[in-house]
Amino acid sequence: MRVLHLTDPHLFADRNGALRGAVTYATLRSVIEHYRHGDFAADLVALTGDIIQDDSAEAYGHCRDLLTALDLPVFCVPGNHDVRHLMRDILPAPPFSYCDSVAIGNWLIVGIDSCSSGRPGGKIAERELCRMEDTIAASSAKHVMICLHHPPVPMHSKWLDSVGLDNGDEFLERAGSAGRVRIAIFGHVHQDHDAERDGIRLIATPSTCRQFLPHSDEFAVDDRPPAYRCIEMQPDGSVSTELIWVESG
């Protein structure tokens, strides 16, 4: 099972729209082109939120047009900048899916909504936690990947941790109780993170546009380029990843 992880593109209706100096349509396009010219052949794309920045339907249309060209299933979950009803309306059908689940080989992938309406921080609602547990329980897959937007663990950045996941500990406890969750991937933090907690590997991928400065007490932008991650999950439950930075030009 091979997954291309993209996150936090922050697209605008205007293709020239920029976020902190990065033209986000162009940076996402460059990331996609970099992947297409590489030798990693993904089975699906995991897109973990903050797809748009300006609350526009047109921005979702740009996402649809760019990612459809990959000819891969696109597994989406919302971020705090997303407008969930627009996201469901404009990305409603294959190759896109919204907070869905899919089983491939020995692996089950489950997407959950970690957003809390009206604020940048997240909290997974009880119904979402129950849906996650029920979906895992109903599957015969030996190994599970969970996709969400908000980080379930602290990033050791004062400002960023103030907009993290309120019930990250509960999420990890309930995910871990299944005994089959091997990995959780997320966005939101615009930086690299790869660590393990209670047997679950927790991986964040930097944004396809601008990055945040790690371990900063106050908001600060890093000068690292756009990025994506290639994740390979083996039948025995082991996971390997490669983080790829896409330098300009």
Protein backbone atom coordinates (compact mmCIF):
# COMPACT_ATOMS: atom_id res chain seq x y z
CA MET A 1 0.00 0.00 0.00
CA ARG A 2 1.55 3.28 -1.13
CA VAL A 3 0.13 6.64 -0.07
CA LEU A 4 0.99 10.10 -1.39
CA HIS A 5 0.40 12.51 1.51
CA LEU A 6 -0.48 16.10 0.55
CA THR A 7 -1.73 18.67 3.02
CA ASP A 8 -2.58 22.32 3.60
CA PRO A 9 -2.54 23.70 0.04
CA HIS A 10 -4.63 26.79 1.05
CA LEU A 11 -5.96 27.46 -2.45
CA PHE A 12 -7.75 30.64 -3.56
CA ALA A 13 -10.39 31.28 -6.20
CA ASP A 14 -7.78 33.47 -7.90
CA ARG A 15 -5.02 31.20 -9.19
CA ASN A 16 -2.57 34.01 -8.40
CA GLY A 17 -3.71 34.21 -4.79
CA ALA A 18 -0.78 34.16 -2.36
CA LEU A 19 -0.38 33.07 1.25
CA ARG A 20 2.55 34.74 2.98
CA GLY A 21 4.32 35.20 -0.34
CA ALA A 22 3.56 31.77 -1.83
CA VAL A 23 1.21 31.52 -4.83
CA THR A 24 -0.58 28.45 -3.55
CA TYR A 25 -2.00 27.16 -6.84
CA ALA A 26 1.49 27.25 -8.35
CA THR A 27 3.12 25.53 -5.38
CA LEU A 28 0.54 22.71 -5.35
CA ARG A 29 0.97 22.29 -9.09
CA SER A 30 4.75 22.12 -8.69
CA VAL A 31 4.41 19.48 -5.96
CA ILE A 32 2.12 17.38 -8.15
CA GLU A 33 4.47 17.68 -11.12
CA HIS A 34 7.45 16.72 -8.94
CA TYR A 35 5.61 13.59 -7.81
CA ARG A 36 4.59 12.71 -11.37
CA HIS A 37 8.22 12.83 -12.52
CA GLY A 38 9.44 10.66 -9.64
CA ASP A 39 9.57 6.89 -9.27
CA PHE A 40 7.06 6.51 -6.41
CA ALA A 41 3.79 5.03 -7.69
CA ALA A 42 1.05 5.73 -5.14
CA ASP A 43 -2.14 3.70 -4.74
CA LEU A 44 -3.99 6.74 -3.42
CA VAL A 45 -3.63 10.34 -2.26
CA ALA A 46 -4.33 11.32 1.35
CA LEU A 47 -5.27 15.03 1.46
CA THR A 48 -5.47 16.09 5.11
CA GLY A 49 -7.25 19.40 5.09
CA ASP A 50 -6.97 23.16 4.69
CA ILE A 51 -7.57 22.68 1.00
CA ILE A 52 -8.77 26.26 0.58
CA GLN A 53 -8.03 29.62 2.19
CA ASP A 54 -10.75 32.01 0.99
CA ASP A 55 -14.05 30.11 1.57
CA SER A 56 -14.68 29.86 -2.16
CA ALA A 57 -16.17 27.10 -4.27
CA GLU A 58 -13.76 28.02 -7.07
CA ALA A 59 -10.75 27.09 -4.92
CA TYR A 60 -12.15 23.58 -4.46
CA GLY A 61 -12.60 23.44 -8.22
CA HIS A 62 -8.89 24.12 -8.66
CA CYS A 63 -8.10 21.29 -6.24
CA ARG A 64 -10.37 18.96 -8.19
CA ASP A 65 -8.79 19.87 -11.51
CA LEU A 66 -5.19 19.51 -10.31
CA LEU A 67 -5.62 16.23 -8.46
CA THR A 68 -7.90 14.53 -10.98
CA ALA A 69 -4.94 14.59 -13.36
CA LEU A 70 -3.12 12.10 -11.10
CA ASP A 71 -5.70 9.42 -11.92
CA LEU A 72 -5.66 8.21 -8.30
CA PRO A 73 -8.30 7.96 -5.56
CA VAL A 74 -8.10 11.11 -3.39
CA PHE A 75 -8.94 10.49 0.26
CA CYS A 76 -9.95 13.83 1.85
CA VAL A 77 -10.55 15.06 5.39
CA PRO A 78 -11.38 18.69 6.27
CA GLY A 79 -9.20 21.25 8.01
CA ASN A 80 -10.14 24.33 9.99
CA HIS A 81 -9.92 26.55 6.88
CA ASP A 82 -12.24 24.31 4.90
CA VAL A 83 -15.94 24.97 4.36
CA ARG A 84 -17.28 21.49 4.92
CA HIS A 85 -20.54 21.79 2.98
CA LEU A 86 -18.69 23.22 -0.05
CA MET A 87 -16.06 20.51 0.22
CA ARG A 88 -18.72 17.80 0.25
CA ASP A 89 -20.61 19.42 -2.66
CA ILE A 90 -17.64 20.00 -4.97
CA LEU A 91 -15.54 16.93 -4.16
CA PRO A 92 -18.42 14.46 -3.85
CA ALA A 93 -17.60 11.65 -6.23
CA PRO A 94 -14.71 9.47 -7.40
CA PRO A 95 -11.84 9.96 -7.50
CA PHE A 96 -12.57 12.00 -4.36
CA SER A 97 -14.00 10.74 -1.08
CA TYR A 98 -14.79 12.66 2.12
CA CYS A 99 -14.03 11.23 5.60
CA ASP A 100 -14.41 7.75 4.21
CA SER A 101 -12.71 4.41 4.78
CA VAL A 102 -11.06 2.03 2.35
CA ALA A 103 -9.47 -1.40 2.73
CA ILE A 104 -6.56 -2.42 0.52
CA GLY A 105 -4.81 -5.68 1.25
CA ASN A 106 -4.01 -5.96 4.95
CA TRP A 107 -4.62 -2.24 5.53
CA LEU A 108 -7.66 -0.14 6.41
CA ILE A 109 -7.51 3.64 6.01
CA VAL A 110 -10.01 5.68 8.04
CA GLY A 111 -10.56 9.43 7.61
CA ILE A 112 -12.02 11.45 10.49
CA ASP A 113 -13.14 15.04 10.97
CA SER A 114 -11.12 16.74 13.71
CA CYS A 115 -12.53 20.24 13.15
CA SER A 116 -14.40 22.36 15.66
CA SER A 117 -16.58 24.92 13.90
CA GLY A 118 -15.59 28.56 14.19
CA ARG A 119 -12.09 28.16 15.59
CA PRO A 120 -8.64 27.07 14.40
CA GLY A 121 -8.13 24.42 17.07
CA GLY A 122 -9.75 21.03 16.79
CA LYS A 123 -11.79 18.55 18.79
CA ILE A 124 -12.98 15.18 17.53
CA ALA A 125 -16.69 14.87 18.29
CA GLU A 126 -17.93 11.84 20.18
CA ARG A 127 -19.84 10.64 17.12
CA GLU A 128 -16.64 10.73 15.06
CA LEU A 129 -14.74 8.77 17.68
CA CYS A 130 -17.52 6.20 17.77
CA ARG A 131 -17.57 6.02 13.97
CA MET A 132 -13.81 5.45 13.96
CA GLU A 133 -14.12 2.64 16.50
CA ASP A 134 -17.07 1.04 14.70
CA THR A 135 -15.33 1.21 11.31
CA ILE A 136 -12.20 -0.46 12.68
CA ALA A 137 -14.22 -3.10 14.54
CA ALA A 138 -16.19 -3.97 11.39
CA SER A 139 -13.05 -4.50 9.31
CA SER A 140 -10.95 -7.65 9.10
CA ALA A 141 -7.84 -5.64 8.13
CA LYS A 142 -4.83 -6.39 10.30
CA HIS A 143 -3.45 -2.85 10.21
CA VAL A 144 -5.01 0.62 10.27
CA MET A 145 -4.00 4.10 9.17
CA ILE A 146 -6.01 7.09 10.43
CA CYS A 147 -6.07 10.42 8.59
CA LEU A 148 -7.03 13.66 10.33
CA HIS A 149 -6.11 17.35 10.19
CA HIS A 150 -5.12 18.40 13.71
CA PRO A 151 -2.08 17.07 15.59
CA PRO A 152 -3.00 14.66 18.41
CA VAL A 153 0.26 15.43 20.25
CA PRO A 154 2.01 18.70 21.16
CA MET A 155 4.43 20.21 18.67
CA HIS A 156 6.39 22.01 21.41
CA SER A 157 5.47 25.35 19.90
CA LYS A 158 3.52 27.61 22.25
CA TRP A 159 1.30 29.28 19.65
CA LEU A 160 0.77 26.15 17.56
CA ASP A 161 -0.09 23.99 20.55
CA SER A 162 -2.78 26.54 21.48
CA VAL A 163 -4.62 25.58 18.25
CA GLY A 164 -4.00 21.84 18.36
CA LEU A 165 -6.38 18.98 19.08
CA ASP A 166 -8.22 19.41 22.39
CA ASN A 167 -8.82 15.70 22.92
CA GLY A 168 -5.68 14.24 21.40
CA ASP A 169 -5.06 11.97 24.39
CA GLU A 170 -8.58 10.56 24.16
CA PHE A 171 -8.19 9.99 20.42
CA LEU A 172 -4.92 8.10 20.90
CA GLU A 173 -6.33 6.03 23.74
CA ARG A 174 -9.40 5.01 21.76
CA ALA A 175 -7.44 4.42 18.56
CA GLY A 176 -4.89 2.38 20.46
CA SER A 177 -7.51 0.22 22.14
CA ALA A 178 -8.21 -1.46 18.80
CA GLY A 179 -4.69 -2.88 18.83
CA ARG A 180 -4.42 -2.47 15.05
CA VAL A 181 -3.75 1.25 14.48
CA ARG A 182 -0.16 1.51 13.28
CA ILE A 183 -0.05 5.06 11.95
CA ALA A 184 -1.93 8.38 12.06
CA ILE A 185 -1.11 11.13 9.56
CA PHE A 186 -2.10 14.78 9.88
CA GLY A 187 -1.51 18.30 8.60
CA HIS A 188 -2.20 21.70 10.21
CA VAL A 189 1.32 22.17 11.61
CA HIS A 190 3.10 23.04 8.32
CA GLN A 191 6.24 21.17 9.38
CA ASP A 192 7.76 17.71 9.59
CA HIS A 193 6.91 15.45 12.51
CA ASP A 194 7.59 11.73 12.84
CA ALA A 195 7.40 10.10 16.25
CA GLU A 196 5.75 7.20 18.02
CA ARG A 197 3.41 7.13 20.97
CA ASP A 198 1.93 4.02 22.53
CA GLY A 199 2.80 1.98 19.46
CA ILE A 200 1.19 4.41 16.96
CA ARG A 201 3.45 6.24 14.54
CA LEU A 202 2.38 9.89 14.29
CA ILE A 203 3.39 11.66 11.10
CA ALA A 204 2.85 15.24 9.93
CA THR A 205 3.82 16.39 6.47
CA PRO A 206 4.73 20.00 5.70
CA SER A 207 2.41 22.09 3.55
CA THR A 208 2.41 22.25 -0.22
CA CYS A 209 2.85 26.03 0.25
CA ARG A 210 4.49 27.81 3.25
CA GLN A 211 5.87 26.27 6.44
CA PHE A 212 5.79 27.24 10.11
CA LEU A 213 9.01 27.62 12.10
CA PRO A 214 9.33 24.61 14.43
CA HIS A 215 9.49 25.11 18.21
CA SER A 216 8.57 28.79 18.01
CA ASP A 217 6.70 30.38 20.93
CA GLU A 218 5.19 33.01 18.63
CA PHE A 219 3.85 32.65 15.11
CA ALA A 220 6.72 32.51 12.64
CA VAL A 221 7.09 31.34 9.05
CA ASP A 222 9.92 29.03 8.06
CA ASP A 223 11.82 29.37 4.79
CA ARG A 224 11.57 25.68 3.91
CA PRO A 225 10.03 24.98 0.48
CA PRO A 226 6.79 23.13 -0.33
CA ALA A 227 6.78 19.42 0.44
CA TYR A 228 5.00 16.09 0.14
CA ARG A 229 5.47 12.66 1.66
CA CYS A 230 5.59 9.17 0.19
CA ILE A 231 4.40 6.49 2.61
CA GLU A 232 4.80 2.76 2.03
CA MET A 233 2.90 0.35 4.29
CA GLN A 234 3.87 -3.30 4.25
CA PRO A 235 1.60 -6.33 4.77
CA ASP A 236 3.31 -6.99 8.12
CA GLY A 237 2.30 -3.56 9.45
CA SER A 238 5.67 -1.87 9.08
CA VAL A 239 5.80 1.64 7.61
CA SER A 240 8.49 3.55 5.73
CA THR A 241 8.29 7.15 4.54
CA GLU A 242 10.22 9.66 2.49
CA LEU A 243 9.67 13.38 2.94
CA ILE A 244 10.38 15.30 -0.25
CA TRP A 245 11.01 19.04 -0.35
CA VAL A 246 10.25 20.71 -3.68
CA GLU A 247 12.78 23.45 -4.25
CA SER A 248 11.76 26.30 -6.55
CA GLY A 249 12.85 25.77 -10.10
